[in-house]
């Protein structure tokens, strides 16, 4: 036999409040005194009340869902970031609806409309496709991570500092030439700081260097082909020189390491590699990869905390809406492993 479902009428009789007061507790708790909120909260425990989530959504339009648009799950950084965001459920209680981007603006606009139709309360955007000005026009709390963020709140890594850490480590490894391999990154994207930090350190210390820019595609096959071509290029251009490779992320660093390992059966003395992310692949690769740790767990937590603060403020009877954008920078941590020893 199933136990009897507890209703608002039952809670009202138990607390000697009206059903209207009970309804206000669920839909607009700030309209009640803290003392009355505590009385009702204890009654819910005493009566073993199980909330009807669907009814609550229909009543107040608040779903406790957050939408996420992530560029891909091919790069280990994005996969780990998604994992860490999902792990915040235990702390903040919000559920997630996730779309994987296509780099197609119209497709991603459809994703956003789909998310809005589910009455999401906020969004975390990692995809680069839709400009932040357009994102801000949806009039819903939004936090972006590692993308253009002129018109929305964001949480990013201090990419410039991370690049300086990586470049300095390679320089201390007595490399003859330092190479930073990256895509053509616009200056408004936070990760452009990786290019700038690399170049500034090399120029400041008069280090021989080269920036190798390619478009890598969005699949393992496309990226591997490009990195194989880059490997042949640097091998032929810099023979008998110790080459320090600063890779733009740990996925690319691992692919490059595998390319070199397949040819030599090890990582030769004339190659040193540093990645960027500290996604799990860096530690678990065939030779553990030195990397710039982005503190992915901290970025995910800070992004959700920033978003939840905005969403909670909007639920208040007299919300004090945010007047200035917040852009948080998380300090990276250099992690030395076998590819620079």
Protein backbone atom coordinates (compact mmCIF):
# COMPACT_ATOMS: atom_id res chain seq x y z
CA UNK A 1 0.00 0.00 0.00
CA UNK A 2 1.33 3.40 -0.96
CA UNK A 3 1.35 6.05 1.71
CA UNK A 4 -1.12 8.94 1.48
CA UNK A 5 0.06 11.93 -0.53
CA UNK A 6 0.46 15.03 1.65
CA UNK A 7 -1.44 18.05 0.28
CA UNK A 8 -1.29 21.78 0.91
CA UNK A 9 -4.49 21.34 2.95
CA UNK A 10 -2.72 18.83 5.22
CA UNK A 11 0.21 21.21 5.73
CA UNK A 12 -2.16 24.09 6.44
CA UNK A 13 -4.04 22.12 9.14
CA UNK A 14 -0.77 20.93 10.70
CA UNK A 15 0.66 24.47 10.94
CA UNK A 16 -2.59 26.40 11.48
CA UNK A 17 -1.74 28.52 8.46
CA UNK A 18 -4.01 29.12 5.48
CA UNK A 19 -3.49 27.26 2.21
CA UNK A 20 -2.64 30.64 0.68
CA UNK A 21 0.24 31.01 3.13
CA UNK A 22 1.48 27.51 2.29
CA UNK A 23 1.33 28.33 -1.41
CA UNK A 24 3.32 31.51 -0.81
CA UNK A 25 6.00 29.44 0.96
CA UNK A 26 6.57 27.42 -2.19
CA UNK A 27 6.15 30.16 -4.77
CA UNK A 28 7.39 33.31 -3.03
CA UNK A 29 9.04 32.37 0.29
CA UNK A 30 10.49 35.86 0.83
CA UNK A 31 6.92 37.13 1.31
CA UNK A 32 6.82 35.24 4.63
CA UNK A 33 8.72 35.94 7.81
CA UNK A 34 11.75 33.76 8.52
CA UNK A 35 9.94 32.33 11.56
CA UNK A 36 6.95 31.23 9.48
CA UNK A 37 9.23 29.78 6.82
CA UNK A 38 10.95 27.69 9.52
CA UNK A 39 7.60 26.46 10.88
CA UNK A 40 6.46 25.30 7.44
CA UNK A 41 9.84 23.76 6.61
CA UNK A 42 9.69 21.68 9.81
CA UNK A 43 6.11 20.63 9.00
CA UNK A 44 7.27 19.32 5.62
CA UNK A 45 9.81 17.14 7.42
CA UNK A 46 7.30 15.95 10.01
CA UNK A 47 4.70 15.07 7.37
CA UNK A 48 7.28 13.50 4.99
CA UNK A 49 6.08 15.83 2.22
CA UNK A 50 7.20 14.99 -1.34
CA UNK A 51 7.13 18.00 -3.59
CA UNK A 52 5.36 17.81 -6.97
CA UNK A 53 8.02 19.39 -9.17
CA UNK A 54 5.79 19.62 -12.24
CA UNK A 55 3.05 21.38 -10.31
CA UNK A 56 5.59 23.85 -8.96
CA UNK A 57 6.84 24.66 -12.47
CA UNK A 58 3.29 25.24 -13.68
CA UNK A 59 2.53 27.42 -10.66
CA UNK A 60 5.50 29.76 -10.69
CA UNK A 61 7.31 29.15 -13.98
CA UNK A 62 10.54 28.26 -12.15
CA UNK A 63 11.98 24.94 -13.26
CA UNK A 64 15.24 24.75 -11.28
CA UNK A 65 16.87 23.85 -14.61
CA UNK A 66 20.01 25.42 -16.07
CA UNK A 67 20.79 25.16 -19.78
CA UNK A 68 24.32 24.40 -20.99
CA UNK A 69 25.69 24.79 -24.51
CA UNK A 70 29.14 23.26 -24.88
CA UNK A 71 31.16 23.31 -28.13
CA UNK A 72 32.11 19.62 -28.25
CA UNK A 73 33.07 16.63 -26.14
CA UNK A 74 36.10 15.81 -28.28
CA UNK A 75 38.39 18.11 -26.29
CA UNK A 76 38.95 16.61 -22.86
CA UNK A 77 38.72 20.08 -21.31
CA UNK A 78 35.07 20.46 -22.28
CA UNK A 79 34.19 16.94 -21.17
CA UNK A 80 35.77 17.54 -17.76
CA UNK A 81 34.19 20.99 -17.45
CA UNK A 82 30.76 19.51 -18.12
CA UNK A 83 31.45 16.79 -15.55
CA UNK A 84 32.40 19.38 -12.93
CA UNK A 85 29.37 21.58 -13.66
CA UNK A 86 27.05 18.58 -13.30
CA UNK A 87 28.73 17.77 -9.98
CA UNK A 88 27.50 21.10 -8.54
CA UNK A 89 23.99 19.66 -8.25
CA UNK A 90 24.71 18.48 -4.71
CA UNK A 91 25.67 22.03 -3.71
CA UNK A 92 23.17 24.19 -5.58
CA UNK A 93 20.28 21.81 -6.38
CA UNK A 94 19.91 22.85 -10.02
CA UNK A 95 19.46 20.28 -12.79
CA UNK A 96 20.87 20.65 -16.29
CA UNK A 97 19.76 20.42 -19.90
CA UNK A 98 22.78 20.09 -22.19
CA UNK A 99 23.27 20.73 -25.90
CA UNK A 100 26.53 20.10 -27.75
CA UNK A 101 27.21 22.93 -30.20
CA UNK A 102 27.63 22.62 -33.95
CA UNK A 103 29.34 25.95 -34.74
CA UNK A 104 26.14 26.74 -36.64
CA UNK A 105 24.45 29.90 -35.40
CA UNK A 106 20.94 28.96 -36.48
CA UNK A 107 21.21 25.51 -34.94
CA UNK A 108 22.41 26.96 -31.64
CA UNK A 109 19.65 29.57 -31.66
CA UNK A 110 17.20 26.68 -31.92
CA UNK A 111 18.91 25.05 -28.96
CA UNK A 112 18.41 28.21 -26.91
CA UNK A 113 14.74 28.44 -27.89
CA UNK A 114 14.32 24.81 -26.88
CA UNK A 115 15.95 25.51 -23.52
CA UNK A 116 13.76 28.56 -22.95
CA UNK A 117 10.68 26.47 -23.74
CA UNK A 118 11.62 24.26 -20.80
CA UNK A 119 11.53 27.34 -18.53
CA UNK A 120 15.22 27.20 -17.67
CA UNK A 121 16.26 29.77 -15.09
CA UNK A 122 19.72 30.47 -16.46
CA UNK A 123 22.39 29.37 -18.94
CA UNK A 124 26.08 28.50 -18.93
CA UNK A 125 27.58 28.99 -22.38
CA UNK A 126 30.95 27.63 -23.47
CA UNK A 127 30.19 27.62 -27.20
CA UNK A 128 31.75 30.50 -29.17
CA UNK A 129 29.11 30.66 -31.89
CA UNK A 130 26.61 33.31 -30.75
CA UNK A 131 27.93 36.78 -29.77
CA UNK A 132 27.53 37.80 -26.14
CA UNK A 133 25.44 40.83 -27.15
CA UNK A 134 22.81 38.48 -28.57
CA UNK A 135 23.03 36.21 -25.54
CA UNK A 136 22.36 39.19 -23.26
CA UNK A 137 19.21 40.02 -25.25
CA UNK A 138 17.49 36.86 -24.00
CA UNK A 139 17.06 38.59 -20.63
CA UNK A 140 17.94 35.52 -18.59
CA UNK A 141 20.90 35.06 -16.23
CA UNK A 142 23.91 33.87 -18.23
CA UNK A 143 27.50 33.05 -17.34
CA UNK A 144 30.04 32.20 -20.02
CA UNK A 145 33.29 30.27 -19.66
CA UNK A 146 36.37 30.90 -21.83
CA UNK A 147 34.67 32.77 -24.66
CA UNK A 148 33.91 36.35 -25.75
CA UNK A 149 32.07 37.98 -22.84
CA UNK A 150 31.65 41.72 -23.43
CA UNK A 151 27.93 41.76 -22.56
CA UNK A 152 27.57 38.88 -20.09
CA UNK A 153 29.09 37.64 -16.85
CA UNK A 154 31.96 35.21 -17.18
CA UNK A 155 34.47 33.01 -15.41
CA UNK A 156 37.79 32.44 -17.18
CA UNK A 157 41.31 31.26 -16.53
CA UNK A 158 44.09 33.83 -16.40
CA UNK A 159 45.35 32.55 -19.75
CA UNK A 160 48.16 35.09 -20.00
CA UNK A 161 49.65 34.00 -16.68
CA UNK A 162 49.26 30.35 -17.66
CA UNK A 163 51.10 30.90 -20.93
CA UNK A 164 53.93 32.63 -19.11
CA UNK A 165 54.18 29.69 -16.71
CA UNK A 166 54.31 27.17 -19.57
CA UNK A 167 56.81 29.16 -21.62
CA UNK A 168 59.09 29.77 -18.67
CA UNK A 169 59.11 26.06 -17.82
CA UNK A 170 60.13 25.16 -21.38
CA UNK A 171 62.82 27.86 -21.33
CA UNK A 172 64.24 26.36 -18.13
CA UNK A 173 64.39 22.98 -19.90
CA UNK A 174 67.22 24.39 -22.03
CA UNK A 175 65.29 24.21 -25.30
CA UNK A 176 66.89 25.72 -28.40
CA UNK A 177 63.57 26.76 -29.93
CA UNK A 178 60.14 27.25 -28.35
CA UNK A 179 57.02 26.70 -30.42
CA UNK A 180 53.45 27.53 -29.51
CA UNK A 181 50.90 25.64 -31.60
CA UNK A 182 47.43 27.15 -31.72
CA UNK A 183 44.48 28.07 -33.92
CA UNK A 184 43.80 31.57 -35.25
CA UNK A 185 42.32 32.98 -32.03
CA UNK A 186 40.59 36.41 -32.03
CA UNK A 187 41.87 38.86 -29.42
CA UNK A 188 38.48 39.08 -27.67
CA UNK A 189 38.62 35.36 -26.80
CA UNK A 190 40.23 34.80 -23.36
CA UNK A 191 42.50 32.03 -24.67
CA UNK A 192 44.23 34.59 -26.90
CA UNK A 193 46.18 35.30 -23.72
CA UNK A 194 48.02 32.02 -24.31
CA UNK A 195 49.46 33.38 -27.54
CA UNK A 196 50.26 36.77 -26.05
CA UNK A 197 51.86 35.37 -22.90
CA UNK A 198 54.05 33.03 -24.96
CA UNK A 199 55.24 35.80 -27.27
CA UNK A 200 55.88 38.29 -24.46
CA UNK A 201 58.05 35.89 -22.43
CA UNK A 202 60.06 34.91 -25.51
CA UNK A 203 60.63 38.52 -26.52
CA UNK A 204 61.43 39.65 -22.99
CA UNK A 205 64.14 36.99 -22.58
CA UNK A 206 65.28 36.99 -26.20
CA UNK A 207 64.27 33.34 -26.69
CA UNK A 208 64.16 31.91 -30.19
CA UNK A 209 60.52 31.06 -30.87
CA UNK A 210 57.81 30.47 -33.44
CA UNK A 211 54.02 30.65 -33.36
CA UNK A 212 52.49 27.88 -35.49
CA UNK A 213 48.86 28.67 -36.39
CA UNK A 214 46.53 26.12 -37.99
CA UNK A 215 42.85 25.29 -38.13
CA UNK A 216 42.41 21.92 -36.47
CA UNK A 217 38.78 20.99 -37.15
CA UNK A 218 36.41 19.39 -34.67
CA UNK A 219 37.26 15.72 -34.80
CA UNK A 220 40.09 13.48 -33.67
CA UNK A 221 40.88 12.59 -37.27
CA UNK A 222 41.10 16.20 -38.50
CA UNK A 223 43.18 17.31 -35.54
CA UNK A 224 45.55 14.35 -35.74
CA UNK A 225 46.21 15.05 -39.42
CA UNK A 226 47.04 18.70 -38.72
CA UNK A 227 49.31 17.83 -35.80
CA UNK A 228 51.05 15.14 -37.84
CA UNK A 229 51.78 17.78 -40.50
CA UNK A 230 53.05 20.19 -37.84
CA UNK A 231 55.30 17.50 -36.39
CA UNK A 232 56.87 16.85 -39.81
CA UNK A 233 57.27 20.60 -40.30
CA UNK A 234 59.11 21.26 -37.03
CA UNK A 235 61.17 18.04 -37.30
CA UNK A 236 62.47 19.12 -40.71
CA UNK A 237 62.87 22.82 -39.87
CA UNK A 238 64.66 22.34 -36.54
CA UNK A 239 66.79 19.16 -36.83
CA UNK A 240 69.30 18.52 -34.06
CA UNK A 241 67.69 21.23 -31.92
CA UNK A 242 65.90 20.76 -28.63
CA UNK A 243 62.29 21.76 -29.28
CA UNK A 244 59.92 22.98 -26.56
CA UNK A 245 56.28 22.59 -27.60
CA UNK A 246 53.62 24.63 -25.82
CA UNK A 247 50.31 23.08 -26.86
CA UNK A 248 46.97 24.94 -26.59
CA UNK A 249 45.25 22.15 -24.62
CA UNK A 250 45.91 18.71 -23.18
CA UNK A 251 44.05 16.87 -25.95
CA UNK A 252 46.42 18.28 -28.58
CA UNK A 253 49.39 17.70 -26.29
CA UNK A 254 48.43 14.05 -25.94
CA UNK A 255 47.98 13.61 -29.71
CA UNK A 256 51.36 15.23 -30.37
CA UNK A 257 52.98 13.03 -27.71
CA UNK A 258 51.47 9.93 -29.35
CA UNK A 259 52.77 11.00 -32.78
CA UNK A 260 56.30 11.42 -31.41
CA UNK A 261 56.10 8.24 -29.32
CA UNK A 262 55.02 6.13 -32.31
CA UNK A 263 58.10 7.24 -34.22
CA UNK A 264 60.67 6.99 -31.44
CA UNK A 265 59.20 4.57 -28.90
CA UNK A 266 59.71 7.23 -26.22
CA UNK A 267 59.85 11.00 -25.84
CA UNK A 268 63.34 11.87 -27.15
CA UNK A 269 65.63 14.33 -25.40
CA UNK A 270 65.13 16.85 -28.20
CA UNK A 271 61.40 17.29 -27.42
CA UNK A 272 59.70 18.82 -24.41
CA UNK A 273 55.92 19.29 -24.17
CA UNK A 274 53.61 21.39 -22.00
CA UNK A 275 49.82 21.27 -22.36
CA UNK A 276 47.07 23.47 -20.99
CA UNK A 277 43.99 22.41 -18.92
CA UNK A 278 45.02 19.62 -16.56
CA UNK A 279 42.13 17.58 -17.89
CA UNK A 280 42.41 13.87 -16.92
CA UNK A 281 44.15 12.92 -20.19
CA UNK A 282 47.28 14.83 -19.14
CA UNK A 283 47.89 12.63 -16.11
CA UNK A 284 46.74 9.40 -17.77
CA UNK A 285 48.64 9.68 -21.09
CA UNK A 286 51.39 7.22 -22.02
CA UNK A 287 53.90 9.67 -20.55
CA UNK A 288 52.27 12.03 -18.00
CA UNK A 289 52.17 15.51 -19.53
CA UNK A 290 53.29 18.72 -17.85
CA UNK A 291 50.46 21.21 -18.09
CA UNK A 292 48.95 24.47 -16.92
CA UNK A 293 46.14 23.51 -14.58
CA UNK A 294 43.02 25.58 -15.13
CA UNK A 295 41.42 24.44 -11.85
CA UNK A 296 38.43 23.21 -13.83
CA UNK A 297 36.51 22.25 -10.70
CA UNK A 298 36.90 25.78 -9.31
CA UNK A 299 35.84 27.42 -12.59
CA UNK A 300 32.71 25.23 -12.72
CA UNK A 301 31.83 26.04 -9.10
CA UNK A 302 32.43 29.78 -9.52
CA UNK A 303 30.33 29.84 -12.70
CA UNK A 304 27.41 28.10 -11.01
CA UNK A 305 27.67 30.24 -7.89
CA UNK A 306 27.63 33.40 -9.99
CA UNK A 307 24.64 32.12 -11.95
CA UNK A 308 22.72 30.94 -8.88
CA UNK A 309 23.18 34.33 -7.21
CA UNK A 310 21.57 36.00 -10.23
CA UNK A 311 18.74 33.47 -10.43
CA UNK A 312 17.97 33.69 -6.71
CA UNK A 313 17.92 37.48 -6.83
CA UNK A 314 15.25 37.39 -9.53
CA UNK A 315 13.01 35.28 -7.29
CA UNK A 316 12.84 37.95 -4.60
CA UNK A 317 9.82 40.17 -4.22
CA UNK A 318 12.05 43.23 -4.66
CA UNK A 319 15.07 42.02 -6.62
CA UNK A 320 18.23 44.08 -6.64
CA UNK A 321 19.27 43.26 -10.20
CA UNK A 322 22.92 43.37 -11.18
CA UNK A 323 24.08 46.72 -12.56
CA UNK A 324 27.63 45.87 -13.60
CA UNK A 325 29.00 42.77 -15.27
CA UNK A 326 31.22 40.41 -13.31
CA UNK A 327 34.26 38.83 -14.97
CA UNK A 328 36.16 36.44 -12.71
CA UNK A 329 39.69 35.26 -13.50
CA UNK A 330 40.90 32.03 -11.92
CA UNK A 331 44.63 31.71 -11.29
CA UNK A 332 46.21 28.74 -13.13
CA UNK A 333 48.60 26.31 -11.47
CA UNK A 334 51.66 24.93 -13.28
CA UNK A 335 51.90 21.14 -12.97
CA UNK A 336 55.27 19.56 -13.77
CA UNK A 337 55.23 16.00 -15.07
CA UNK A 338 57.44 13.75 -17.19
CA UNK A 339 57.31 15.62 -20.52
CA UNK A 340 59.50 18.43 -19.15
CA UNK A 341 61.81 16.43 -16.87
